[in-house]
Protein backbone atom coordinates (compact mmCIF):
# COMPACT_ATOMS: atom_id res chain seq x y z
CA UNK A 1 -5.69 6.40 -4.18
CA UNK A 2 -8.39 5.87 -1.57
CA UNK A 3 -6.00 6.81 1.28
CA UNK A 4 -5.16 10.10 -0.48
CA UNK A 5 -8.80 10.78 -1.07
CA UNK A 6 -9.70 10.49 2.62
CA UNK A 7 -11.19 7.04 2.12
CA UNK A 8 -14.05 8.59 0.18
CA UNK A 9 -14.98 7.66 -3.36
CA UNK A 10 -15.20 11.25 -4.51
CA UNK A 11 -11.93 12.10 -2.92
CA UNK A 12 -10.14 9.41 -4.90
CA UNK A 13 -10.90 11.22 -8.13
CA UNK A 14 -8.77 14.31 -7.51
CA UNK A 15 -6.05 12.09 -5.98
CA UNK A 16 -5.97 10.05 -9.17
CA UNK A 17 -5.78 13.11 -11.29
CA UNK A 18 -2.83 14.54 -9.33
CA UNK A 19 -0.91 11.34 -9.66
CA UNK A 20 -1.78 11.08 -13.40
CA UNK A 21 -0.58 14.61 -14.00
CA UNK A 22 2.70 13.77 -12.22
CA UNK A 23 3.30 10.81 -14.53
CA UNK A 24 2.38 12.83 -17.72
CA UNK A 25 4.56 15.70 -16.55
CA UNK A 26 7.43 13.31 -16.02
CA UNK A 27 7.37 12.14 -19.54
CA UNK A 28 7.02 15.63 -20.86
CA UNK A 29 10.07 16.71 -18.82
CA UNK A 30 11.97 13.81 -20.00
CA UNK A 31 11.31 14.71 -23.62
CA UNK A 32 11.82 18.43 -23.30
CA UNK A 33 14.79 18.83 -20.98
CA UNK A 34 16.20 15.32 -20.67
CA UNK A 35 15.28 14.90 -16.97
CA UNK A 36 14.89 11.24 -15.98
CA UNK A 37 11.24 10.28 -15.49
CA UNK A 38 12.29 8.17 -12.53
CA UNK A 39 12.60 11.32 -10.39
CA UNK A 40 8.74 11.49 -10.32
CA UNK A 41 8.59 7.97 -8.85
CA UNK A 42 10.78 9.26 -6.01
CA UNK A 43 8.49 12.35 -5.58
CA UNK A 44 5.45 10.00 -5.54
CA UNK A 45 7.13 7.85 -2.93
CA UNK A 46 7.74 10.98 -0.76
CA UNK A 47 4.17 12.05 -1.16
CA UNK A 48 2.91 8.60 -0.14
CA UNK A 49 5.27 8.53 2.79
CA UNK A 50 4.15 11.97 3.97
CA UNK A 51 0.46 11.11 3.74
CA UNK A 52 0.77 7.78 5.61
CA UNK A 53 3.02 9.39 8.30
CA UNK A 54 0.63 12.24 8.88
CA UNK A 55 -2.39 9.93 9.10
CA UNK A 56 -0.62 7.64 11.66
CA UNK A 57 0.69 10.74 13.58
CA UNK A 58 -2.87 12.28 13.75
CA UNK A 59 -4.60 9.02 14.63
CA UNK A 60 -3.14 9.07 18.08
CA UNK A 61 -5.70 10.61 20.44
CA UNK A 62 -3.39 12.84 22.16
CA UNK A 63 -1.94 14.25 18.92
CA UNK A 64 -5.39 14.54 17.35
CA UNK A 65 -6.54 16.68 20.34
CA UNK A 66 -3.50 18.97 19.96
CA UNK A 67 -3.99 19.36 16.23
CA UNK A 68 -7.68 20.13 16.64
CA UNK A 69 -6.83 22.68 19.39
CA UNK A 70 -4.34 24.41 17.10
CA UNK A 71 -6.86 24.35 14.18
CA UNK A 72 -9.55 25.88 16.41
CA UNK A 73 -7.10 28.61 17.51
CA UNK A 74 -6.04 29.18 13.90
CA UNK A 75 -9.65 29.49 12.67
CA UNK A 76 -10.57 31.96 15.42
CA UNK A 77 -12.48 29.66 17.71
CA UNK A 78 -14.73 28.06 15.12
CA UNK A 79 -14.95 24.29 14.91
CA UNK A 80 -12.49 23.09 12.21
CA UNK A 81 -14.22 19.73 11.81
């Protein structure tokens, strides 16, 4: 959960809530419409894979500079960070 919260203690709280809601929603879907709860495990895996991949992708200096330049352009020249 710390990785999803940006390695910040307060960021881990919303990340935990999101994953908790996914689990509760999975069991509610299973009871209501007979959808297997294991689908949520696959969705959680995809979320984890996307977060880890994006953090590795952005950690490279050249990619980080490109992303920051695009963010600066998107925000109208203001510093995004």
